[in-house]
């Protein structure tokens, strides 16, 4: 990746019920609480899944106004390193009775979606080794093995002209970004 390009570091979510949201993100989703305090009269918590990489990937603040489910934030996505990690995250969400669990095969990645107590969507994803043109969404069966998932995806996209290795897609995208 070329230097100077921004990468996502963190997302800040304003909360109606700060305590309930903090409990959900730490106890249900398993975030590490890096710091907590007050800013501008509102509570703020800094959370991360990876303290080696980021002090906080997510910050929660109190004082949200308006109606639940309304706002500019569509969802927050966290990438997982391996397919078994995605399966384990799904089991954890089910065990902890997370709301709105939905499994989606996006061709290029597999996703487990859920909702926090204030109806913000959370996505956990695992990347596949190829690119499938988006949008692409199919039901996902996490009881399948990684090899079964990969074979089914290749079979489904065999005649898709936009199906290619992720390396090939990245090289094309990189060339587009560096033109001119």
C-alpha atoms as a PDB file:
ATOM      1  CA  UNK A   1       0.000   0.000   0.000  1.00  0.00           C
ATOM      2  CA  UNK A   2       1.318   3.436  -0.890  1.00  0.00           C
ATOM      3  CA  UNK A   3       2.333   5.660   2.003  1.00  0.00           C
ATOM      4  CA  UNK A   4       0.144   8.593   2.928  1.00  0.00           C
ATOM      5  CA  UNK A   5      -3.159   6.835   2.237  1.00  0.00           C
ATOM      6  CA  UNK A   6      -5.603   6.971   5.103  1.00  0.00           C
ATOM      7  CA  UNK A   7      -6.802   3.754   6.707  1.00  0.00           C
ATOM      8  CA  UNK A   8      -9.694   3.454   9.111  1.00  0.00           C
ATOM      9  CA  UNK A   9      -8.506   3.796  12.677  1.00  0.00           C
ATOM     10  CA  UNK A  10     -11.680   4.131  14.706  1.00  0.00           C
ATOM     11  CA  UNK A  11     -15.367   4.920  14.714  1.00  0.00           C
ATOM     12  CA  UNK A  12     -17.186   6.965  17.367  1.00  0.00           C
ATOM     13  CA  UNK A  13     -20.784   6.073  18.209  1.00  0.00           C
ATOM     14  CA  UNK A  14     -22.971   8.468  20.209  1.00  0.00           C
ATOM     15  CA  UNK A  15     -25.199   6.525  22.630  1.00  0.00           C
ATOM     16  CA  UNK A  16     -28.569   7.036  24.285  1.00  0.00           C
ATOM     17  CA  UNK A  17     -27.725   4.596  27.102  1.00  0.00           C
ATOM     18  CA  UNK A  18     -23.962   4.720  27.562  1.00  0.00           C
ATOM     19  CA  UNK A  19     -23.843   2.047  30.297  1.00  0.00           C
ATOM     20  CA  UNK A  20     -25.885  -0.484  28.304  1.00  0.00           C
ATOM     21  CA  UNK A  21     -23.816   0.124  25.177  1.00  0.00           C
ATOM     22  CA  UNK A  22     -20.525  -0.184  27.079  1.00  0.00           C
ATOM     23  CA  UNK A  23     -21.673  -3.455  28.640  1.00  0.00           C
ATOM     24  CA  UNK A  24     -22.761  -4.800  25.248  1.00  0.00           C
ATOM     25  CA  UNK A  25     -19.530  -3.943  23.456  1.00  0.00           C
ATOM     26  CA  UNK A  26     -17.269  -5.244  26.251  1.00  0.00           C
ATOM     27  CA  UNK A  27     -19.249  -8.213  27.581  1.00  0.00           C
ATOM     28  CA  UNK A  28     -21.162  -9.401  24.500  1.00  0.00           C
ATOM     29  CA  UNK A  29     -18.747  -8.499  21.714  1.00  0.00           C
ATOM     30  CA  UNK A  30     -15.570  -8.827  23.771  1.00  0.00           C
ATOM     31  CA  UNK A  31     -13.870  -5.459  23.248  1.00  0.00           C
ATOM     32  CA  UNK A  32     -11.032  -4.447  25.570  1.00  0.00           C
ATOM     33  CA  UNK A  33     -11.750  -1.226  27.471  1.00  0.00           C
ATOM     34  CA  UNK A  34      -8.633   0.914  26.882  1.00  0.00           C
ATOM     35  CA  UNK A  35      -9.812   4.046  28.707  1.00  0.00           C
ATOM     36  CA  UNK A  36     -12.966   5.634  30.080  1.00  0.00           C
ATOM     37  CA  UNK A  37     -13.781   9.161  31.207  1.00  0.00           C
ATOM     38  CA  UNK A  38     -15.790  12.277  30.424  1.00  0.00           C
ATOM     39  CA  UNK A  39     -15.517  14.804  27.612  1.00  0.00           C
ATOM     40  CA  UNK A  40     -17.754  17.840  27.208  1.00  0.00           C
ATOM     41  CA  UNK A  41     -19.943  16.595  30.067  1.00  0.00           C
ATOM     42  CA  UNK A  42     -20.567  13.217  28.379  1.00  0.00           C
ATOM     43  CA  UNK A  43     -19.166   9.793  29.178  1.00  0.00           C
ATOM     44  CA  UNK A  44     -16.643   8.399  26.692  1.00  0.00           C
ATOM     45  CA  UNK A  45     -15.078   4.946  26.442  1.00  0.00           C
ATOM     46  CA  UNK A  46     -12.255   3.823  24.156  1.00  0.00           C
ATOM     47  CA  UNK A  47     -12.425   0.188  23.004  1.00  0.00           C
ATOM     48  CA  UNK A  48     -10.248  -2.123  20.918  1.00  0.00           C
ATOM     49  CA  UNK A  49      -9.999  -5.733  19.771  1.00  0.00           C
ATOM     50  CA  UNK A  50      -6.273  -5.274  19.079  1.00  0.00           C
ATOM     51  CA  UNK A  51      -4.298  -3.189  21.588  1.00  0.00           C
ATOM     52  CA  UNK A  52      -1.101  -3.966  19.636  1.00  0.00           C
ATOM     53  CA  UNK A  53      -2.470  -2.133  16.581  1.00  0.00           C
ATOM     54  CA  UNK A  54      -4.865   0.507  17.946  1.00  0.00           C
ATOM     55  CA  UNK A  55      -5.528   2.098  21.332  1.00  0.00           C
ATOM     56  CA  UNK A  56      -9.143   2.328  20.213  1.00  0.00           C
ATOM     57  CA  UNK A  57     -10.997   1.051  17.176  1.00  0.00           C
ATOM     58  CA  UNK A  58     -14.283   2.224  18.615  1.00  0.00           C
ATOM     59  CA  UNK A  59     -15.247   5.008  20.996  1.00  0.00           C
ATOM     60  CA  UNK A  60     -18.639   5.256  22.677  1.00  0.00           C
ATOM     61  CA  UNK A  61     -19.955   8.615  23.897  1.00  0.00           C
ATOM     62  CA  UNK A  62     -23.081   9.513  25.833  1.00  0.00           C
ATOM     63  CA  UNK A  63     -25.548  12.270  25.016  1.00  0.00           C
ATOM     64  CA  UNK A  64     -27.075  10.994  21.771  1.00  0.00           C
ATOM     65  CA  UNK A  65     -30.240  12.829  20.628  1.00  0.00           C
ATOM     66  CA  UNK A  66     -32.968  11.801  18.194  1.00  0.00           C
ATOM     67  CA  UNK A  67     -34.590   8.419  17.579  1.00  0.00           C
ATOM     68  CA  UNK A  68     -33.006   4.964  17.797  1.00  0.00           C
ATOM     69  CA  UNK A  69     -32.003   3.560  14.443  1.00  0.00           C
ATOM     70  CA  UNK A  70     -31.877   6.992  12.803  1.00  0.00           C
ATOM     71  CA  UNK A  71     -28.583   8.548  11.838  1.00  0.00           C
ATOM     72  CA  UNK A  72     -25.793   8.529   9.322  1.00  0.00           C
ATOM     73  CA  UNK A  73     -23.982   5.418  10.592  1.00  0.00           C
ATOM     74  CA  UNK A  74     -24.980   2.298   8.646  1.00  0.00           C
ATOM     75  CA  UNK A  75     -22.646  -0.200  10.299  1.00  0.00           C
ATOM     76  CA  UNK A  76     -19.172  -0.797  11.671  1.00  0.00           C
ATOM     77  CA  UNK A  77     -17.138  -3.703  10.290  1.00  0.00           C
ATOM     78  CA  UNK A  78     -14.330  -5.678  11.929  1.00  0.00           C
ATOM     79  CA  UNK A  79     -12.118  -8.013   9.886  1.00  0.00           C
ATOM     80  CA  UNK A  80     -11.224 -11.422  11.327  1.00  0.00           C
ATOM     81  CA  UNK A  81      -8.050 -13.330  10.438  1.00  0.00           C
ATOM     82  CA  UNK A  82      -9.496 -16.785   9.795  1.00  0.00           C
ATOM     83  CA  UNK A  83     -12.707 -18.626   8.927  1.00  0.00           C
ATOM     84  CA  UNK A  84     -12.812 -20.429  12.319  1.00  0.00           C
ATOM     85  CA  UNK A  85     -12.713 -16.974  13.956  1.00  0.00           C
ATOM     86  CA  UNK A  86     -15.877 -16.017  12.046  1.00  0.00           C
ATOM     87  CA  UNK A  87     -17.572 -19.261  13.080  1.00  0.00           C
ATOM     88  CA  UNK A  88     -16.562 -18.655  16.701  1.00  0.00           C
ATOM     89  CA  UNK A  89     -17.806 -15.046  16.610  1.00  0.00           C
ATOM     90  CA  UNK A  90     -21.171 -16.274  15.289  1.00  0.00           C
ATOM     91  CA  UNK A  91     -21.433 -18.879  18.069  1.00  0.00           C
ATOM     92  CA  UNK A  92     -20.583 -16.212  20.653  1.00  0.00           C
ATOM     93  CA  UNK A  93     -23.259 -13.836  19.348  1.00  0.00           C
ATOM     94  CA  UNK A  94     -25.847 -16.628  19.371  1.00  0.00           C
ATOM     95  CA  UNK A  95     -24.846 -17.732  22.899  1.00  0.00           C
ATOM     96  CA  UNK A  96     -25.126 -14.155  24.137  1.00  0.00           C
ATOM     97  CA  UNK A  97     -28.489 -13.621  22.405  1.00  0.00           C
ATOM     98  CA  UNK A  98     -27.326 -10.743  20.223  1.00  0.00           C
ATOM     99  CA  UNK A  99     -30.112  -9.127  18.211  1.00  0.00           C
ATOM    100  CA  UNK A 100     -30.452  -9.114  14.437  1.00  0.00           C
ATOM    101  CA  UNK A 101     -27.954 -11.867  13.622  1.00  0.00           C
ATOM    102  CA  UNK A 102     -27.667 -12.300   9.864  1.00  0.00           C
ATOM    103  CA  UNK A 103     -25.172 -14.352   7.849  1.00  0.00           C
ATOM    104  CA  UNK A 104     -24.200 -13.188   4.355  1.00  0.00           C
ATOM    105  CA  UNK A 105     -21.802 -14.525   1.726  1.00  0.00           C
ATOM    106  CA  UNK A 106     -20.577 -11.491  -0.232  1.00  0.00           C
ATOM    107  CA  UNK A 107     -18.437 -13.510  -2.638  1.00  0.00           C
ATOM    108  CA  UNK A 108     -15.251 -11.669  -1.690  1.00  0.00           C
ATOM    109  CA  UNK A 109     -15.883 -12.011   2.053  1.00  0.00           C
ATOM    110  CA  UNK A 110     -18.190 -13.746   4.520  1.00  0.00           C
ATOM    111  CA  UNK A 111     -20.088 -11.689   7.085  1.00  0.00           C
ATOM    112  CA  UNK A 112     -21.881 -12.078  10.393  1.00  0.00           C
ATOM    113  CA  UNK A 113     -24.085  -9.062  11.159  1.00  0.00           C
ATOM    114  CA  UNK A 114     -25.780  -8.201  14.432  1.00  0.00           C
ATOM    115  CA  UNK A 115     -27.271  -5.165  16.145  1.00  0.00           C
ATOM    116  CA  UNK A 116     -26.257  -3.476  19.354  1.00  0.00           C
ATOM    117  CA  UNK A 117     -28.836  -2.332  21.944  1.00  0.00           C
ATOM    118  CA  UNK A 118     -29.427   0.935  20.031  1.00  0.00           C
ATOM    119  CA  UNK A 119     -29.932  -0.783  16.635  1.00  0.00           C
ATOM    120  CA  UNK A 120     -26.511   0.097  15.189  1.00  0.00           C
ATOM    121  CA  UNK A 121     -25.358  -2.714  12.927  1.00  0.00           C
ATOM    122  CA  UNK A 122     -22.055  -4.488  13.587  1.00  0.00           C
ATOM    123  CA  UNK A 123     -20.356  -6.653  10.955  1.00  0.00           C
ATOM    124  CA  UNK A 124     -17.616  -9.223  11.474  1.00  0.00           C
ATOM    125  CA  UNK A 125     -16.031 -10.413   8.233  1.00  0.00           C
ATOM    126  CA  UNK A 126     -13.503 -12.872   6.902  1.00  0.00           C
ATOM    127  CA  UNK A 127     -11.966 -12.221   3.486  1.00  0.00           C
ATOM    128  CA  UNK A 128     -11.961 -14.799   0.701  1.00  0.00           C
ATOM    129  CA  UNK A 129      -8.922 -15.092  -1.621  1.00  0.00           C
ATOM    130  CA  UNK A 130     -10.682 -13.533  -4.623  1.00  0.00           C
ATOM    131  CA  UNK A 131     -12.729 -10.615  -5.816  1.00  0.00           C
ATOM    132  CA  UNK A 132     -16.392 -10.905  -6.793  1.00  0.00           C
ATOM    133  CA  UNK A 133     -18.036  -7.755  -8.180  1.00  0.00           C
ATOM    134  CA  UNK A 134     -20.293  -6.023  -5.674  1.00  0.00           C
ATOM    135  CA  UNK A 135     -23.041  -5.857  -4.676  1.00  0.00           C
ATOM    136  CA  UNK A 136     -23.200  -9.594  -4.087  1.00  0.00           C
ATOM    137  CA  UNK A 137     -25.113 -11.209  -1.259  1.00  0.00           C
ATOM    138  CA  UNK A 138     -26.148 -14.798  -0.694  1.00  0.00           C
ATOM    139  CA  UNK A 139     -27.196 -16.769   2.377  1.00  0.00           C
ATOM    140  CA  UNK A 140     -24.228 -18.140   4.310  1.00  0.00           C
ATOM    141  CA  UNK A 141     -24.067 -21.531   6.029  1.00  0.00           C
ATOM    142  CA  UNK A 142     -21.306 -21.432   8.646  1.00  0.00           C
ATOM    143  CA  UNK A 143     -21.690 -25.166   9.290  1.00  0.00           C
ATOM    144  CA  UNK A 144     -19.846 -25.701   5.989  1.00  0.00           C
ATOM    145  CA  UNK A 145     -16.085 -26.168   6.100  1.00  0.00           C
ATOM    146  CA  UNK A 146     -13.806 -23.497   4.692  1.00  0.00           C
ATOM    147  CA  UNK A 147     -13.023 -25.742   1.701  1.00  0.00           C
ATOM    148  CA  UNK A 148     -16.736 -26.353   1.034  1.00  0.00           C
ATOM    149  CA  UNK A 149     -17.447 -22.597   1.152  1.00  0.00           C
ATOM    150  CA  UNK A 150     -14.581 -21.879  -1.259  1.00  0.00           C
ATOM    151  CA  UNK A 151     -15.566 -24.635  -3.702  1.00  0.00           C
ATOM    152  CA  UNK A 152     -19.193 -23.439  -3.751  1.00  0.00           C
ATOM    153  CA  UNK A 153     -18.129 -19.826  -4.357  1.00  0.00           C
ATOM    154  CA  UNK A 154     -15.840 -20.805  -7.242  1.00  0.00           C
ATOM    155  CA  UNK A 155     -18.587 -22.937  -8.788  1.00  0.00           C
ATOM    156  CA  UNK A 156     -21.185 -20.174  -8.503  1.00  0.00           C
ATOM    157  CA  UNK A 157     -18.871 -17.567 -10.044  1.00  0.00           C
ATOM    158  CA  UNK A 158     -17.211 -19.750 -12.693  1.00  0.00           C
ATOM    159  CA  UNK A 159     -18.801 -17.719 -15.524  1.00  0.00           C
ATOM    160  CA  UNK A 160     -18.770 -14.350 -13.753  1.00  0.00           C
ATOM    161  CA  UNK A 161     -16.523 -11.991 -15.781  1.00  0.00           C
ATOM    162  CA  UNK A 162     -15.781  -9.964 -12.626  1.00  0.00           C
ATOM    163  CA  UNK A 163     -14.495 -13.011 -10.713  1.00  0.00           C
ATOM    164  CA  UNK A 164     -10.701 -12.864 -10.207  1.00  0.00           C
ATOM    165  CA  UNK A 165      -8.036 -13.317  -7.576  1.00  0.00           C
ATOM    166  CA  UNK A 166      -7.896 -10.582  -4.964  1.00  0.00           C
ATOM    167  CA  UNK A 167      -4.278  -9.942  -6.002  1.00  0.00           C
ATOM    168  CA  UNK A 168      -5.358  -9.235  -9.595  1.00  0.00           C
ATOM    169  CA  UNK A 169      -8.129  -6.916  -8.432  1.00  0.00           C
ATOM    170  CA  UNK A 170      -5.780  -5.083  -6.035  1.00  0.00           C
ATOM    171  CA  UNK A 171      -3.197  -4.579  -8.794  1.00  0.00           C
ATOM    172  CA  UNK A 172      -5.862  -3.070 -11.083  1.00  0.00           C
ATOM    173  CA  UNK A 173      -7.224  -0.872  -8.290  1.00  0.00           C
ATOM    174  CA  UNK A 174      -3.701   0.248  -7.352  1.00  0.00           C
ATOM    175  CA  UNK A 175      -2.995   1.154 -10.991  1.00  0.00           C
ATOM    176  CA  UNK A 176      -6.203   3.201 -11.107  1.00  0.00           C
ATOM    177  CA  UNK A 177      -5.302   5.039  -7.911  1.00  0.00           C
ATOM    178  CA  UNK A 178      -1.809   5.917  -9.116  1.00  0.00           C
ATOM    179  CA  UNK A 179      -2.771   7.058 -12.638  1.00  0.00           C
ATOM    180  CA  UNK A 180      -1.895  10.648 -13.524  1.00  0.00           C
END
